[in-house]
Protein backbone atom coordinates (compact mmCIF):
# COMPACT_ATOMS: atom_id res chain seq x y z
CA MET A 1 -154.63 -31.04 -51.03
CA GLU A 2 -156.19 -28.11 -52.82
CA ASP A 3 -154.62 -24.70 -52.57
CA SER A 4 -156.40 -21.71 -51.10
CA PHE A 5 -156.16 -18.18 -52.45
CA VAL A 6 -154.97 -15.00 -50.78
CA ILE A 7 -155.64 -11.36 -51.53
CA GLU A 8 -152.73 -9.15 -50.55
CA TRP A 9 -152.31 -5.38 -50.37
CA SER A 10 -149.15 -3.63 -51.50
CA ALA A 11 -148.82 -0.09 -50.16
CA SER A 12 -145.91 0.73 -52.47
CA GLN A 13 -147.87 -0.37 -55.56
CA LYS A 14 -151.22 0.85 -54.18
CA ALA A 15 -152.79 -2.33 -55.44
CA PHE A 16 -154.45 -5.57 -54.41
CA HIS A 17 -153.03 -8.86 -55.69
CA LEU A 18 -154.46 -12.37 -55.82
CA HIS A 19 -152.14 -15.35 -55.37
CA LYS A 20 -152.32 -18.99 -54.44
CA ALA A 21 -151.52 -19.30 -50.74
CA SER A 22 -148.68 -21.71 -51.50
CA GLU A 23 -147.10 -19.15 -53.85
CA MET A 24 -147.41 -16.42 -51.22
CA LEU A 25 -145.71 -18.60 -48.62
CA GLU A 26 -142.96 -19.59 -51.04
CA ARG A 27 -142.34 -15.93 -51.91
CA ASN A 28 -142.31 -14.90 -48.24
CA LEU A 29 -139.81 -17.64 -47.36
CA SER A 30 -137.62 -16.67 -50.31
CA ASN A 31 -137.72 -13.04 -49.19
CA LEU A 32 -136.79 -14.07 -45.66
CA ILE A 33 -133.86 -16.21 -46.82
CA SER A 34 -132.65 -13.46 -49.18
CA SER A 35 -133.20 -10.67 -46.61
CA ARG A 36 -135.48 -8.86 -49.09
CA ASN A 37 -138.21 -6.56 -47.88
CA SER A 38 -141.75 -6.92 -49.13
CA ASP A 39 -144.78 -4.83 -48.40
CA PHE A 40 -147.32 -7.43 -49.55
CA VAL A 41 -149.78 -7.87 -46.68
CA PRO A 42 -152.30 -10.73 -46.79
CA ILE A 43 -155.76 -9.41 -45.94
CA LEU A 44 -158.19 -12.14 -47.07
CA SER A 45 -158.10 -15.87 -47.71
CA PHE A 46 -160.50 -17.99 -49.78
CA TYR A 47 -160.90 -21.67 -50.67
CA SER A 48 -162.75 -20.75 -53.86
CA LEU A 49 -161.01 -19.01 -56.76
CA THR A 50 -164.39 -17.71 -57.90
CA LYS A 51 -165.03 -16.03 -54.54
CA ALA A 52 -161.48 -14.70 -54.42
CA ASN A 53 -161.84 -13.14 -57.88
CA GLN A 54 -165.20 -11.60 -56.91
CA ALA A 55 -163.69 -10.15 -53.74
CA LEU A 56 -160.75 -8.76 -55.70
CA SER A 57 -163.14 -7.16 -58.17
CA ASP A 58 -165.20 -5.65 -55.33
CA LEU A 59 -162.07 -4.28 -53.69
CA ASN A 60 -160.80 -2.73 -56.91
CA LYS A 61 -164.17 -1.20 -57.87
CA LYS A 62 -165.26 0.09 -54.47
CA VAL A 63 -162.06 0.80 -52.59
CA MET A 64 -159.61 2.13 -55.15
CA ALA A 65 -161.20 5.42 -56.13
CA ASP A 66 -158.97 7.53 -58.36
CA GLY A 67 -156.00 5.31 -57.54
CA ASN A 68 -156.20 6.09 -53.84
CA LEU A 69 -157.15 3.70 -51.07
CA ASN A 70 -160.45 4.67 -49.48
CA LEU A 71 -160.02 3.26 -45.97
CA ARG A 72 -163.65 3.83 -44.98
CA GLU A 73 -164.89 1.88 -48.00
CA LEU A 74 -162.24 -0.79 -47.40
CA GLN A 75 -163.63 -1.33 -43.93
CA HIS A 76 -167.17 -1.76 -45.31
CA VAL A 77 -166.08 -4.17 -48.06
CA LEU A 78 -163.94 -6.26 -45.71
CA LEU A 79 -166.75 -6.56 -43.16
CA TYR A 80 -169.17 -7.57 -45.89
CA LEU A 81 -166.77 -10.19 -47.31
CA LEU A 82 -165.95 -11.62 -43.90
CA ASN A 83 -169.63 -12.04 -43.05
CA ASN A 84 -170.62 -13.72 -46.34
């Protein structure tokens, strides 16, 4: 079975991250077992690494202006990505 890819948002790092879904689940289970907190929030999932990388690039270019999260632009990018 092929892995899917997940884009996560970290509020503490003010950054998007791309991971294999299996790695995200493994990390989340490890955090749960170890009672560690994590602020990584999955926001998008892809079956194609190419599409995931393009989405990550779009998010970083259009949403992270001056190191700050532009919520209005995030909404536009997410709607575009979800509809294509």
